[in-house]
Amino acid sequence: MLPGDRLVCALVEPQTVGTRLRVWPLHVTVVPWFRLADPSDVIAKGLTEAFKTTPSFEAVGDGEALFGIRKNRPVRLITQPTPFVQIETKVRTYLHKKRALLIDETTKQRPDFRPHVTNQGEMGLWSDDRFRCDRLYIIEQRGNYKEIVSEVKLG
């Protein structure tokens, strides 16, 4: 793993640390790929402290949209308001304080954060589908697969 092949997300279906992912499960990317020399367990400990007063919550699927560079990736937006916007801000603030390089901030084209679940082939979230968000996950790219390396419990 190179430092920088990590992201923070919430998974629609909970997973365990150590799970190897060859295909993305349904998820909300909170902060995409970043580079930071600190080990993932240190990052998770710092984020756990930041979220100790943030309670778990229920997220609800809303309307559809198309995301991506070519606007061809179908996604399900998350009904607002939810804590996802504040969560994204807290994660970015923590990473900025640690002097992390956030890949999406290296260009001037970073879009505003709009919490959503990207459809994965036949899998997708539907309008009014609900899922519980009680933790965040740190995921690392490891060659041809991704691995859940740490979790950050809310509250």
N, C-alpha and C. Protein backbone atom coordinates (compact mmCIF):
# COMPACT_ATOMS: atom_id res chain seq x y z
N MET A 1 0.84 -1.17 0.00
CA MET A 1 0.00 0.00 0.00
C MET A 1 0.89 1.23 0.00
N LEU A 2 0.57 2.14 -0.87
CA LEU A 2 1.24 3.43 -0.86
C LEU A 2 0.43 4.37 -0.01
N PRO A 3 1.09 5.25 0.76
CA PRO A 3 0.29 6.21 1.50
C PRO A 3 -0.47 7.07 0.50
N GLY A 4 -1.74 7.08 0.56
CA GLY A 4 -2.54 7.85 -0.37
C GLY A 4 -3.59 7.01 -1.02
N ASP A 5 -3.52 5.74 -0.78
CA ASP A 5 -4.51 4.86 -1.38
C ASP A 5 -5.58 4.52 -0.35
N ARG A 6 -6.09 5.54 0.33
CA ARG A 6 -7.11 5.34 1.37
C ARG A 6 -8.28 6.28 1.13
N LEU A 7 -9.43 5.85 1.62
CA LEU A 7 -10.59 6.72 1.63
C LEU A 7 -11.42 6.42 2.86
N VAL A 8 -12.38 7.31 3.15
CA VAL A 8 -13.30 7.13 4.27
C VAL A 8 -14.69 7.04 3.70
N CYS A 9 -15.44 6.02 4.12
CA CYS A 9 -16.80 5.85 3.61
C CYS A 9 -17.71 5.25 4.68
N ALA A 10 -18.99 5.27 4.38
CA ALA A 10 -20.00 4.55 5.17
C ALA A 10 -20.54 3.46 4.25
N LEU A 11 -20.68 2.26 4.77
CA LEU A 11 -21.20 1.15 3.98
C LEU A 11 -22.68 0.94 4.29
N VAL A 12 -23.44 0.65 3.24
CA VAL A 12 -24.87 0.40 3.43
C VAL A 12 -25.08 -0.86 4.26
N GLU A 13 -24.31 -1.89 4.00
CA GLU A 13 -24.34 -3.13 4.79
C GLU A 13 -23.04 -3.20 5.58
N PRO A 14 -23.12 -3.29 6.91
CA PRO A 14 -21.89 -3.34 7.71
C PRO A 14 -20.96 -4.48 7.30
N GLN A 15 -19.68 -4.23 7.42
CA GLN A 15 -18.64 -5.21 7.10
C GLN A 15 -17.67 -5.25 8.28
N THR A 16 -16.76 -6.20 8.24
CA THR A 16 -15.77 -6.30 9.31
C THR A 16 -14.40 -5.85 8.83
N VAL A 17 -13.60 -5.34 9.76
CA VAL A 17 -12.23 -4.98 9.45
C VAL A 17 -11.51 -6.23 8.97
N GLY A 18 -10.72 -6.07 7.92
CA GLY A 18 -10.01 -7.19 7.33
C GLY A 18 -10.69 -7.74 6.08
N THR A 19 -11.92 -7.35 5.83
CA THR A 19 -12.63 -7.81 4.63
C THR A 19 -11.94 -7.27 3.39
N ARG A 20 -11.69 -8.16 2.43
CA ARG A 20 -11.12 -7.77 1.15
C ARG A 20 -12.25 -7.61 0.14
N LEU A 21 -12.20 -6.52 -0.57
CA LEU A 21 -13.25 -6.19 -1.53
C LEU A 21 -12.69 -6.19 -2.94
N ARG A 22 -13.22 -7.06 -3.77
CA ARG A 22 -12.83 -7.04 -5.19
C ARG A 22 -13.84 -6.20 -5.97
N VAL A 23 -15.04 -6.09 -5.43
CA VAL A 23 -16.10 -5.27 -6.02
C VAL A 23 -16.62 -4.36 -4.91
N TRP A 24 -16.84 -3.11 -5.25
CA TRP A 24 -17.34 -2.17 -4.25
C TRP A 24 -18.71 -2.57 -3.75
N PRO A 25 -18.92 -2.62 -2.45
CA PRO A 25 -20.28 -2.75 -1.93
C PRO A 25 -20.96 -1.38 -2.02
N LEU A 26 -22.26 -1.35 -1.80
CA LEU A 26 -22.95 -0.07 -1.79
C LEU A 26 -22.40 0.77 -0.63
N HIS A 27 -22.09 2.03 -0.92
CA HIS A 27 -21.44 2.87 0.08
C HIS A 27 -21.66 4.35 -0.23
N VAL A 28 -21.43 5.16 0.79
CA VAL A 28 -21.37 6.61 0.65
C VAL A 28 -19.91 7.00 0.86
N THR A 29 -19.26 7.54 -0.15
CA THR A 29 -17.89 8.01 0.02
C THR A 29 -17.96 9.34 0.76
N VAL A 30 -17.33 9.38 1.93
CA VAL A 30 -17.31 10.60 2.74
C VAL A 30 -16.16 11.49 2.28
N VAL A 31 -14.96 10.94 2.23
CA VAL A 31 -13.79 11.65 1.69
C VAL A 31 -13.06 10.65 0.80
N PRO A 32 -12.91 11.01 -0.50
CA PRO A 32 -12.21 10.08 -1.39
C PRO A 32 -10.72 10.06 -1.13
N TRP A 33 -10.02 9.41 -1.97
CA TRP A 33 -8.61 9.07 -1.81
C TRP A 33 -7.78 10.21 -1.23
N PHE A 34 -6.98 9.84 -0.24
CA PHE A 34 -6.09 10.80 0.40
C PHE A 34 -4.76 10.16 0.71
N ARG A 35 -3.77 11.02 0.92
CA ARG A 35 -2.41 10.57 1.27
C ARG A 35 -2.03 11.14 2.62
N LEU A 36 -1.63 10.25 3.50
CA LEU A 36 -1.19 10.63 4.84
C LEU A 36 -0.28 9.52 5.35
N ALA A 37 0.87 9.89 5.87
CA ALA A 37 1.85 8.88 6.32
C ALA A 37 1.39 8.12 7.56
N ASP A 38 0.50 8.70 8.37
CA ASP A 38 0.05 8.03 9.59
C ASP A 38 -0.60 6.69 9.27
N PRO A 39 -0.38 5.67 10.11
CA PRO A 39 -1.06 4.39 9.92
C PRO A 39 -2.57 4.56 10.06
N SER A 40 -3.32 3.70 9.42
CA SER A 40 -4.78 3.79 9.43
C SER A 40 -5.36 3.68 10.83
N ASP A 41 -4.74 2.88 11.72
CA ASP A 41 -5.29 2.77 13.07
C ASP A 41 -5.13 4.07 13.84
N VAL A 42 -4.08 4.84 13.56
CA VAL A 42 -3.90 6.15 14.19
C VAL A 42 -4.97 7.12 13.67
N ILE A 43 -5.21 7.07 12.37
CA ILE A 43 -6.25 7.92 11.77
C ILE A 43 -7.61 7.56 12.37
N ALA A 44 -7.89 6.28 12.47
CA ALA A 44 -9.18 5.84 13.03
C ALA A 44 -9.34 6.31 14.47
N LYS A 45 -8.27 6.25 15.25
CA LYS A 45 -8.34 6.70 16.64
C LYS A 45 -8.64 8.20 16.71
N GLY A 46 -7.99 8.98 15.86
CA GLY A 46 -8.25 10.42 15.83
C GLY A 46 -9.66 10.74 15.39
N LEU A 47 -10.16 10.02 14.39
CA LEU A 47 -11.53 10.26 13.93
C LEU A 47 -12.55 9.79 14.95
N THR A 48 -12.27 8.69 15.65
CA THR A 48 -13.17 8.21 16.70
C THR A 48 -13.34 9.29 17.76
N GLU A 49 -12.25 9.94 18.11
CA GLU A 49 -12.33 11.04 19.08
C GLU A 49 -13.18 12.18 18.53
N ALA A 50 -13.01 12.49 17.25
CA ALA A 50 -13.78 13.58 16.63
C ALA A 50 -15.28 13.28 16.57
N PHE A 51 -15.64 12.00 16.53
CA PHE A 51 -17.05 11.62 16.37
C PHE A 51 -17.67 11.03 17.63
N LYS A 52 -17.03 11.21 18.78
CA LYS A 52 -17.54 10.59 20.00
C LYS A 52 -18.90 11.15 20.41
N THR A 53 -19.26 12.34 19.95
CA THR A 53 -20.58 12.91 20.29
C THR A 53 -21.54 12.91 19.09
N THR A 54 -21.14 12.28 17.99
CA THR A 54 -22.01 12.20 16.81
C THR A 54 -22.79 10.90 16.87
N PRO A 55 -24.11 10.97 17.06
CA PRO A 55 -24.88 9.73 17.17
C PRO A 55 -25.07 9.04 15.82
N SER A 56 -25.35 7.74 15.89
CA SER A 56 -25.69 7.02 14.67
C SER A 56 -27.01 7.59 14.14
N PHE A 57 -27.30 7.31 12.89
CA PHE A 57 -28.50 7.87 12.27
C PHE A 57 -28.97 6.96 11.14
N GLU A 58 -30.17 7.21 10.67
CA GLU A 58 -30.73 6.47 9.54
C GLU A 58 -30.65 7.35 8.30
N ALA A 59 -30.13 6.79 7.22
CA ALA A 59 -30.07 7.48 5.94
C ALA A 59 -31.16 6.90 5.04
N VAL A 60 -31.71 7.76 4.18
CA VAL A 60 -32.83 7.36 3.33
C VAL A 60 -32.51 7.74 1.88
N GLY A 61 -32.74 6.79 0.98
CA GLY A 61 -32.55 7.06 -0.45
C GLY A 61 -33.57 8.06 -0.95
N ASP A 62 -33.13 8.89 -1.89
CA ASP A 62 -33.98 9.94 -2.45
C ASP A 62 -33.99 9.80 -3.97
N GLY A 63 -33.83 10.88 -4.68
CA GLY A 63 -33.89 10.86 -6.14
C GLY A 63 -32.63 10.33 -6.78
N GLU A 64 -32.72 10.09 -8.07
CA GLU A 64 -31.57 9.62 -8.84
C GLU A 64 -30.84 10.81 -9.45
N ALA A 65 -29.57 10.59 -9.75
CA ALA A 65 -28.75 11.59 -10.44
C ALA A 65 -27.66 10.85 -11.20
N LEU A 66 -26.96 11.57 -12.06
CA LEU A 66 -25.82 11.02 -12.78
C LEU A 66 -24.58 11.78 -12.36
N PHE A 67 -23.56 11.06 -11.89
CA PHE A 67 -22.32 11.66 -11.43
C PHE A 67 -21.18 11.18 -12.31
N GLY A 68 -19.99 11.63 -12.01
CA GLY A 68 -18.80 11.23 -12.73
C GLY A 68 -18.38 12.28 -13.74
N ILE A 69 -17.20 12.11 -14.27
CA ILE A 69 -16.65 13.08 -15.23
C ILE A 69 -17.57 13.23 -16.43
N ARG A 70 -18.10 12.12 -16.89
CA ARG A 70 -18.98 12.15 -18.08
C ARG A 70 -20.46 12.18 -17.71
N LYS A 71 -20.74 12.31 -16.41
CA LYS A 71 -22.14 12.31 -15.92
C LYS A 71 -22.89 11.08 -16.42
N ASN A 72 -22.23 9.91 -16.26
CA ASN A 72 -22.84 8.66 -16.72
C ASN A 72 -22.91 7.59 -15.64
N ARG A 73 -22.62 7.95 -14.38
CA ARG A 73 -22.67 7.00 -13.26
C ARG A 73 -23.96 7.23 -12.48
N PRO A 74 -24.91 6.28 -12.56
CA PRO A 74 -26.16 6.46 -11.82
C PRO A 74 -25.95 6.32 -10.31
N VAL A 75 -26.50 7.27 -9.58
CA VAL A 75 -26.39 7.28 -8.12
C VAL A 75 -27.77 7.53 -7.52
N ARG A 76 -27.88 7.18 -6.25
CA ARG A 76 -29.08 7.49 -5.46
C ARG A 76 -28.67 8.52 -4.43
N LEU A 77 -29.24 9.70 -4.53
CA LEU A 77 -28.96 10.74 -3.55
C LEU A 77 -29.51 10.33 -2.19
N ILE A 78 -28.96 10.88 -1.13
CA ILE A 78 -29.44 10.63 0.23
C ILE A 78 -30.31 11.82 0.63
N THR A 79 -31.50 11.52 1.15
CA THR A 79 -32.40 12.57 1.59
C THR A 79 -31.70 13.47 2.60
N GLN A 80 -31.82 14.76 2.40
CA GLN A 80 -31.22 15.74 3.31
C GLN A 80 -32.32 16.39 4.13
N PRO A 81 -32.06 16.86 5.33
CA PRO A 81 -30.73 16.87 5.92
C PRO A 81 -30.38 15.54 6.59
N THR A 82 -29.12 15.19 6.55
CA THR A 82 -28.55 14.09 7.32
C THR A 82 -27.23 14.59 7.88
N PRO A 83 -26.65 13.87 8.81
CA PRO A 83 -25.33 14.26 9.34
C PRO A 83 -24.18 14.07 8.34
N PHE A 84 -24.44 13.47 7.17
CA PHE A 84 -23.33 13.20 6.25
C PHE A 84 -22.53 14.45 5.88
N VAL A 85 -23.20 15.57 5.71
CA VAL A 85 -22.48 16.80 5.34
C VAL A 85 -21.55 17.23 6.47
N GLN A 86 -22.05 17.19 7.71
CA GLN A 86 -21.20 17.55 8.85
C GLN A 86 -20.08 16.52 9.05
N ILE A 87 -20.38 15.26 8.81
CA ILE A 87 -19.37 14.20 8.92
C ILE A 87 -18.25 14.44 7.92
N GLU A 88 -18.62 14.75 6.69
CA GLU A 88 -17.61 15.02 5.65
C GLU A 88 -16.72 16.19 6.07
N THR A 89 -17.32 17.24 6.60
CA THR A 89 -16.56 18.40 7.05
C THR A 89 -15.60 18.03 8.18
N LYS A 90 -16.07 17.24 9.14
CA LYS A 90 -15.20 16.84 10.26
C LYS A 90 -14.03 15.98 9.79
N VAL A 91 -14.29 15.05 8.86
CA VAL A 91 -13.20 14.20 8.36
C VAL A 91 -12.17 15.06 7.63
N ARG A 92 -12.64 15.96 6.76
CA ARG A 92 -11.70 16.83 6.03
C ARG A 92 -10.91 17.70 7.00
N THR A 93 -11.57 18.25 8.01
CA THR A 93 -10.89 19.09 8.99
C THR A 93 -9.79 18.30 9.68
N TYR A 94 -10.11 17.08 10.12
CA TYR A 94 -9.11 16.23 10.77
C TYR A 94 -7.93 15.97 9.82
N LEU A 95 -8.22 15.60 8.58
CA LEU A 95 -7.16 15.30 7.62
C LEU A 95 -6.33 16.54 7.29
N HIS A 96 -6.96 17.71 7.21
CA HIS A 96 -6.20 18.94 6.98
C HIS A 96 -5.25 19.22 8.14
N LYS A 97 -5.74 19.03 9.38
CA LYS A 97 -4.88 19.26 10.54
C LYS A 97 -3.67 18.32 10.54
N LYS A 98 -3.84 17.14 9.99
CA LYS A 98 -2.75 16.17 9.91
C LYS A 98 -1.89 16.39 8.66
N ARG A 99 -2.24 17.41 7.88
CA ARG A 99 -1.52 17.76 6.65
C ARG A 99 -1.60 16.68 5.58
N ALA A 100 -2.75 16.04 5.50
CA ALA A 100 -2.97 15.03 4.47
C ALA A 100 -3.15 15.70 3.11
N LEU A 101 -2.81 14.99 2.07
CA LEU A 101 -3.09 15.42 0.71
C LEU A 101 -4.40 14.76 0.30
N LEU A 102 -5.41 15.55 0.07
CA LEU A 102 -6.70 15.03 -0.37
C LEU A 102 -6.73 15.16 -1.89
N ILE A 103 -6.78 14.02 -2.55
CA ILE A 103 -6.63 13.98 -3.99
C ILE A 103 -7.66 14.86 -4.70
N ASP A 104 -8.90 14.88 -4.21
CA ASP A 104 -9.92 15.67 -4.90
C ASP A 104 -9.72 17.17 -4.71
N GLU A 105 -8.82 17.57 -3.82
CA GLU A 105 -8.54 18.99 -3.62
C GLU A 105 -7.32 19.44 -4.42
N THR A 106 -6.73 18.55 -5.20
CA THR A 106 -5.57 18.91 -6.00
C THR A 106 -5.97 19.56 -7.32
N THR A 107 -7.25 19.54 -7.64
CA THR A 107 -7.74 20.22 -8.83
C THR A 107 -8.73 21.29 -8.38
N LYS A 108 -9.04 22.18 -9.26
CA LYS A 108 -10.00 23.23 -8.95
C LYS A 108 -11.41 22.80 -9.34
N GLN A 109 -11.59 21.52 -9.64
CA GLN A 109 -12.89 21.04 -10.10
C GLN A 109 -13.60 20.18 -9.08
N ARG A 110 -13.19 20.23 -7.82
CA ARG A 110 -13.84 19.41 -6.79
C ARG A 110 -15.27 19.89 -6.62
N PRO A 111 -16.24 19.00 -6.85
CA PRO A 111 -17.64 19.40 -6.69
C PRO A 111 -18.03 19.49 -5.21
N ASP A 112 -19.10 20.20 -4.95
CA ASP A 112 -19.65 20.23 -3.59
C ASP A 112 -20.06 18.81 -3.20
N PHE A 113 -19.94 18.50 -1.92
CA PHE A 113 -20.29 17.18 -1.41
C PHE A 113 -21.81 17.01 -1.44
N ARG A 114 -22.26 15.98 -2.14
CA ARG A 114 -23.67 15.60 -2.19
C ARG A 114 -23.75 14.12 -1.82
N PRO A 115 -24.13 13.81 -0.58
CA PRO A 115 -24.15 12.41 -0.15
C PRO A 115 -25.01 11.57 -1.09
N HIS A 116 -24.42 10.44 -1.51
CA HIS A 116 -25.10 9.56 -2.46
C HIS A 116 -24.50 8.16 -2.39
N VAL A 117 -25.24 7.21 -2.90
CA VAL A 117 -24.78 5.83 -3.05
C VAL A 117 -24.68 5.56 -4.54
N THR A 118 -23.50 5.19 -5.01
CA THR A 118 -23.31 4.87 -6.43
C THR A 118 -23.81 3.45 -6.69
N ASN A 119 -24.65 3.30 -7.72
CA ASN A 119 -25.11 1.96 -8.10
C ASN A 119 -23.92 1.11 -8.50
N GLN A 120 -23.97 -0.15 -8.17
CA GLN A 120 -22.91 -1.10 -8.50
C GLN A 120 -23.51 -2.21 -9.35
N GLY A 121 -23.52 -2.01 -10.67
CA GLY A 121 -24.13 -3.00 -11.55
C GLY A 121 -25.61 -3.11 -11.26
N GLU A 122 -26.05 -4.32 -10.93
CA GLU A 122 -27.46 -4.55 -10.62
C GLU A 122 -27.84 -4.10 -9.21
N MET A 123 -26.82 -3.88 -8.37
CA MET A 123 -27.10 -3.46 -7.00
C MET A 123 -27.26 -1.95 -6.94
N GLY A 124 -28.21 -1.53 -6.14
CA GLY A 124 -28.41 -0.10 -5.97
C GLY A 124 -29.35 0.16 -4.81
N LEU A 125 -29.35 1.37 -4.38
CA LEU A 125 -30.28 1.81 -3.36
C LEU A 125 -31.49 2.38 -4.09
N TRP A 126 -32.67 2.16 -3.56
CA TRP A 126 -33.89 2.66 -4.18
C TRP A 126 -34.41 3.85 -3.38
N SER A 127 -35.28 4.60 -4.00
CA SER A 127 -35.92 5.70 -3.30
C SER A 127 -36.63 5.14 -2.08
N ASP A 128 -36.48 5.79 -0.95
CA ASP A 128 -37.05 5.42 0.34
C ASP A 128 -36.39 4.22 1.01
N ASP A 129 -35.39 3.56 0.36
CA ASP A 129 -34.62 2.54 1.07
C ASP A 129 -33.87 3.21 2.21
N ARG A 130 -33.73 2.49 3.32
CA ARG A 130 -33.11 3.04 4.51
C ARG A 130 -31.94 2.16 4.94
N PHE A 131 -30.94 2.81 5.52
CA PHE A 131 -29.86 2.05 6.13
C PHE A 131 -29.34 2.83 7.32
N ARG A 132 -28.83 2.10 8.30
CA ARG A 132 -28.31 2.68 9.54
C ARG A 132 -26.84 3.02 9.35
N CYS A 133 -26.46 4.21 9.70
CA CYS A 133 -25.05 4.60 9.67
C CYS A 133 -24.60 4.76 11.11
N ASP A 134 -23.84 3.79 11.59
CA ASP A 134 -23.33 3.85 12.96
C ASP A 134 -21.81 3.82 13.00
N ARG A 135 -21.18 3.79 11.82
CA ARG A 135 -19.72 3.76 11.74
C ARG A 135 -19.25 4.18 10.36
N LEU A 136 -18.02 4.60 10.32
CA LEU A 136 -17.33 4.89 9.07
C LEU A 136 -16.22 3.87 8.92
N TYR A 137 -15.76 3.69 7.71
CA TYR A 137 -14.69 2.73 7.43
C TYR A 137 -13.55 3.42 6.70
N ILE A 138 -12.33 3.02 7.04
CA ILE A 138 -11.17 3.43 6.28
C ILE A 138 -10.81 2.25 5.38
N ILE A 139 -10.74 2.52 4.10
CA ILE A 139 -10.47 1.48 3.12
C ILE A 139 -9.17 1.82 2.39
N GLU A 140 -8.32 0.81 2.22
CA GLU A 140 -7.06 0.98 1.51
C GLU A 140 -7.09 0.19 0.21
N GLN A 141 -6.53 0.78 -0.83
CA GLN A 141 -6.31 0.07 -2.09
C GLN A 141 -5.07 -0.78 -1.91
N ARG A 142 -5.17 -2.07 -2.21
CA ARG A 142 -4.03 -2.97 -2.05
C ARG A 142 -3.89 -3.79 -3.33
N GLY A 143 -3.15 -3.26 -4.28
CA GLY A 143 -3.01 -3.97 -5.55
C GLY A 143 -4.33 -4.03 -6.29
N ASN A 144 -4.81 -5.25 -6.56
CA ASN A 144 -6.04 -5.38 -7.33
C ASN A 144 -7.28 -5.56 -6.45
N TYR A 145 -7.19 -5.27 -5.17
CA TYR A 145 -8.36 -5.32 -4.30
C TYR A 145 -8.28 -4.19 -3.28
N LYS A 146 -9.38 -3.97 -2.61
CA LYS A 146 -9.45 -2.99 -1.53
C LYS A 146 -9.67 -3.76 -0.24
N GLU A 147 -9.20 -3.19 0.88
CA GLU A 147 -9.37 -3.86 2.16
C GLU A 147 -9.88 -2.87 3.20
N ILE A 148 -10.85 -3.31 4.00
CA ILE A 148 -11.32 -2.51 5.11
C ILE A 148 -10.28 -2.65 6.22
N VAL A 149 -9.60 -1.55 6.55
CA VAL A 149 -8.48 -1.62 7.48
C VAL A 149 -8.81 -1.08 8.86
N SER A 150 -9.83 -0.22 8.96
CA SER A 150 -10.21 0.34 10.26
C SER A 150 -11.66 0.78 10.22
N GLU A 151 -12.25 0.88 11.40
CA GLU A 151 -13.59 1.43 11.49
C GLU A 151 -13.60 2.51 12.54
N VAL A 152 -14.52 3.44 12.36
CA VAL A 152 -14.70 4.57 13.26
C VAL A 152 -16.15 4.55 13.70
N LYS A 153 -16.39 4.20 14.96
CA LYS A 153 -17.77 4.14 15.45
C LYS A 153 -18.26 5.53 15.79
N LEU A 154 -19.51 5.80 15.43
CA LEU A 154 -20.14 7.07 15.79
C LEU A 154 -20.66 6.97 17.20
N GLY A 155 -20.63 8.12 17.91
CA GLY A 155 -21.16 8.17 19.26
C GLY A 155 -20.34 7.37 20.17
